[in-house]
C-alpha atoms as a PDB file:
ATOM      1  CA  MET A   1     -72.842  10.630   8.547  1.00  0.00           C
ATOM      2  CA  PRO A   2     -69.040  11.343   8.601  1.00  0.00           C
ATOM      3  CA  ASP A   3     -67.707  14.175  10.676  1.00  0.00           C
ATOM      4  CA  ASP A   4     -65.985  16.806   8.490  1.00  0.00           C
ATOM      5  CA  THR A   5     -63.738  18.034  11.312  1.00  0.00           C
ATOM      6  CA  GLU A   6     -61.658  14.843  11.538  1.00  0.00           C
ATOM      7  CA  PRO A   7     -58.962  14.353   8.911  1.00  0.00           C
ATOM      8  CA  SER A   8     -59.253  11.203   6.838  1.00  0.00           C
ATOM      9  CA  ASN A   9     -56.376   8.777   6.179  1.00  0.00           C
ATOM     10  CA  THR A  10     -55.924  10.079   2.639  1.00  0.00           C
ATOM     11  CA  ASP A  11     -55.386  13.727   3.612  1.00  0.00           C
ATOM     12  CA  PRO A  12     -51.746  14.893   3.610  1.00  0.00           C
ATOM     13  CA  PRO A  13     -50.293  15.586   7.052  1.00  0.00           C
ATOM     14  CA  THR A  14     -50.424  19.200   8.056  1.00  0.00           C
ATOM     15  CA  THR A  15     -46.930  20.105   9.236  1.00  0.00           C
ATOM     16  CA  ALA A  16     -45.847  23.676   9.512  1.00  0.00           C
ATOM     17  CA  LEU A  17     -43.527  24.904   6.772  1.00  0.00           C
ATOM     18  CA  PRO A  18     -40.774  26.032   9.190  1.00  0.00           C
ATOM     19  CA  GLN A  19     -40.732  22.538  10.691  1.00  0.00           C
ATOM     20  CA  LEU A  20     -40.368  20.998   7.223  1.00  0.00           C
ATOM     21  CA  VAL A  21     -37.469  23.339   6.408  1.00  0.00           C
ATOM     22  CA  ILE A  22     -35.697  22.422   9.652  1.00  0.00           C
ATOM     23  CA  GLU A  23     -36.166  18.697   8.969  1.00  0.00           C
ATOM     24  CA  LEU A  24     -34.887  19.129   5.401  1.00  0.00           C
ATOM     25  CA  ARG A  25     -31.808  21.000   6.644  1.00  0.00           C
ATOM     26  CA  ASP A  26     -31.108  18.302   9.231  1.00  0.00           C
ATOM     27  CA  LEU A  27     -31.508  15.596   6.599  1.00  0.00           C
ATOM     28  CA  ILE A  28     -29.111  17.370   4.210  1.00  0.00           C
ATOM     29  CA  VAL A  29     -26.509  17.941   6.942  1.00  0.00           C
ATOM     30  CA  ALA A  30     -26.682  14.282   7.996  1.00  0.00           C
ATOM     31  CA  TYR A  31     -26.343  13.155   4.378  1.00  0.00           C
ATOM     32  CA  VAL A  32     -23.332  15.405   3.717  1.00  0.00           C
ATOM     33  CA  ARG A  33     -21.615  14.129   6.859  1.00  0.00           C
ATOM     34  CA  GLN A  34     -22.311  10.535   5.943  1.00  0.00           C
ATOM     35  CA  GLU A  35     -21.149  10.823   2.334  1.00  0.00           C
ATOM     36  CA  THR A  36     -18.215  13.247   2.627  1.00  0.00           C
ATOM     37  CA  VAL A  37     -16.877  13.909   6.107  1.00  0.00           C
ATOM     38  CA  THR A  38     -16.697  10.295   7.294  1.00  0.00           C
ATOM     39  CA  PRO A  39     -14.963   8.982   4.125  1.00  0.00           C
ATOM     40  CA  LEU A  40     -12.545  11.930   4.216  1.00  0.00           C
ATOM     41  CA  LYS A  41     -11.586  11.101   7.806  1.00  0.00           C
ATOM     42  CA  SER A  42     -10.918   7.503   6.774  1.00  0.00           C
ATOM     43  CA  LEU A  43      -8.902   8.680   3.775  1.00  0.00           C
ATOM     44  CA  GLY A  44      -6.905  11.072   5.952  1.00  0.00           C
ATOM     45  CA  ARG A  45      -6.035   8.264   8.366  1.00  0.00           C
ATOM     46  CA  TYR A  46      -5.019   6.039   5.434  1.00  0.00           C
ATOM     47  CA  ILE A  47      -2.780   8.773   4.004  1.00  0.00           C
ATOM     48  CA  LEU A  48      -1.263   9.531   7.416  1.00  0.00           C
ATOM     49  CA  PHE A  49      -0.291   5.910   8.040  1.00  0.00           C
ATOM     50  CA  GLY A  50       0.997   5.590   4.471  1.00  0.00           C
ATOM     51  CA  LEU A  51       3.229   8.639   4.790  1.00  0.00           C
ATOM     52  CA  ALA A  52       4.499   7.566   8.205  1.00  0.00           C
ATOM     53  CA  GLY A  53       5.307   4.100   6.865  1.00  0.00           C
ATOM     54  CA  ALA A  54       7.054   5.505   3.795  1.00  0.00           C
ATOM     55  CA  LEU A  55       9.171   7.863   5.917  1.00  0.00           C
ATOM     56  CA  LEU A  56      10.177   5.117   8.334  1.00  0.00           C
ATOM     57  CA  LEU A  57      10.951   2.707   5.514  1.00  0.00           C
ATOM     58  CA  GLY A  58      13.009   5.342   3.701  1.00  0.00           C
ATOM     59  CA  PHE A  59      14.892   6.186   6.879  1.00  0.00           C
ATOM     60  CA  GLY A  60      15.625   2.482   7.426  1.00  0.00           C
ATOM     61  CA  VAL A  61      16.916   2.025   3.873  1.00  0.00           C
ATOM     62  CA  VAL A  62      19.230   5.036   4.235  1.00  0.00           C
ATOM     63  CA  LEU A  63      20.611   3.681   7.513  1.00  0.00           C
ATOM     64  CA  LEU A  64      21.050   0.244   5.980  1.00  0.00           C
ATOM     65  CA  GLY A  65      22.913   1.771   3.029  1.00  0.00           C
ATOM     66  CA  VAL A  66      25.227   3.748   5.309  1.00  0.00           C
ATOM     67  CA  GLY A  67      25.837   0.610   7.381  1.00  0.00           C
ATOM     68  CA  VAL A  68      26.784  -1.446   4.320  1.00  0.00           C
ATOM     69  CA  LEU A  69      29.032   1.387   3.126  1.00  0.00           C
ATOM     70  CA  ARG A  70      30.858   1.551   6.464  1.00  0.00           C
ATOM     71  CA  LEU A  71      31.114  -2.261   6.490  1.00  0.00           C
ATOM     72  CA  LEU A  72      32.779  -2.247   3.073  1.00  0.00           C
ATOM     73  CA  GLN A  73      35.112   0.577   4.026  1.00  0.00           C
ATOM     74  CA  THR A  74      36.306  -0.888   7.321  1.00  0.00           C
ATOM     75  CA  GLU A  75      36.118  -4.684   7.005  1.00  0.00           C
ATOM     76  CA  THR A  76      37.740  -5.195   3.586  1.00  0.00           C
ATOM     77  CA  GLY A  77      41.228  -4.266   4.723  1.00  0.00           C
ATOM     78  CA  SER A  78      43.247  -2.486   2.056  1.00  0.00           C
ATOM     79  CA  THR A  79      41.082  -3.666  -0.857  1.00  0.00           C
ATOM     80  CA  PHE A  80      39.263  -0.359  -1.286  1.00  0.00           C
ATOM     81  CA  ARG A  81      42.136   2.033  -0.512  1.00  0.00           C
ATOM     82  CA  GLY A  82      43.816   4.558  -2.782  1.00  0.00           C
ATOM     83  CA  ASP A  83      42.449   4.527  -6.349  1.00  0.00           C
ATOM     84  CA  TRP A  84      39.626   2.133  -5.355  1.00  0.00           C
ATOM     85  CA  SER A  85      38.206   4.292  -2.541  1.00  0.00           C
ATOM     86  CA  TRP A  86      35.155   5.059  -4.704  1.00  0.00           C
ATOM     87  CA  ALA A  87      34.204   1.377  -5.127  1.00  0.00           C
ATOM     88  CA  PRO A  88      32.219   0.959  -1.852  1.00  0.00           C
ATOM     89  CA  TYR A  89      30.040   3.919  -2.852  1.00  0.00           C
ATOM     90  CA  GLY A  90      29.403   2.384  -6.271  1.00  0.00           C
ATOM     91  CA  ILE A  91      28.627  -1.024  -4.765  1.00  0.00           C
ATOM     92  CA  VAL A  92      26.173   0.428  -2.245  1.00  0.00           C
ATOM     93  CA  PHE A  93      24.557   2.562  -4.960  1.00  0.00           C
ATOM     94  CA  ALA A  94      24.145  -0.494  -7.217  1.00  0.00           C
ATOM     95  CA  VAL A  95      22.692  -2.587  -4.367  1.00  0.00           C
ATOM     96  CA  LEU A  96      20.203   0.154  -3.428  1.00  0.00           C
ATOM     97  CA  LEU A  97      19.278   0.648  -7.081  1.00  0.00           C
ATOM     98  CA  ALA A  98      18.705  -3.098  -7.513  1.00  0.00           C
ATOM     99  CA  GLY A  99      16.604  -3.214  -4.342  1.00  0.00           C
ATOM    100  CA  GLY A 100      14.523  -0.290  -5.586  1.00  0.00           C
ATOM    101  CA  ALA A 101      14.017  -1.959  -8.984  1.00  0.00           C
ATOM    102  CA  ILE A 102      12.936  -5.221  -7.351  1.00  0.00           C
ATOM    103  CA  THR A 103      10.508  -3.351  -5.118  1.00  0.00           C
ATOM    104  CA  TRP A 104       9.103  -1.394  -8.074  1.00  0.00           C
ATOM    105  CA  LYS A 105       8.679  -4.564 -10.115  1.00  0.00           C
ATOM    106  CA  ALA A 106       6.969  -6.403  -7.216  1.00  0.00           C
ATOM    107  CA  ARG A 107       4.609  -3.458  -6.775  1.00  0.00           C
ATOM    108  CA  GLY A 108       3.616  -3.683 -10.440  1.00  0.00           C
ATOM    109  CA  VAL A 109       2.945  -7.414 -10.176  1.00  0.00           C
ATOM    110  CA  ARG A 110       0.675  -6.895  -7.182  1.00  0.00           C
ATOM    111  CA  ARG A 111      -1.286  -4.190  -9.014  1.00  0.00           C
ATOM    112  CA  ALA A 112      -1.734  -6.412 -12.062  1.00  0.00           C
ATOM    113  CA  ARG A 113      -3.290  -9.147  -9.900  1.00  0.00           C
ATOM    114  CA  ALA A 114      -5.718  -6.767  -8.183  1.00  0.00           C
END
């Protein structure tokens, strides 16, 4: 004859309700961290490195432009003197504009392949 005091394998486990609530809260907190906080940290790092790279690249392009401008102004002798003093600025502007257009076009090609 079976003993009625022992729980059978088909009976649901008897866990206190406060314990279930605590486990549910812990499960939800772990899930939120896994699905939101961790990806946001990765995204923040990605954005930080992207901004730092863009600033350094922009700073380098500005310095390169100023260097080319000074090169044209000092090493061309009297070519860009008087009425032609604006020409080095126009040349540097055109070179930077062309470099920007090439970069923009190359960026579009890479996106089309991806």
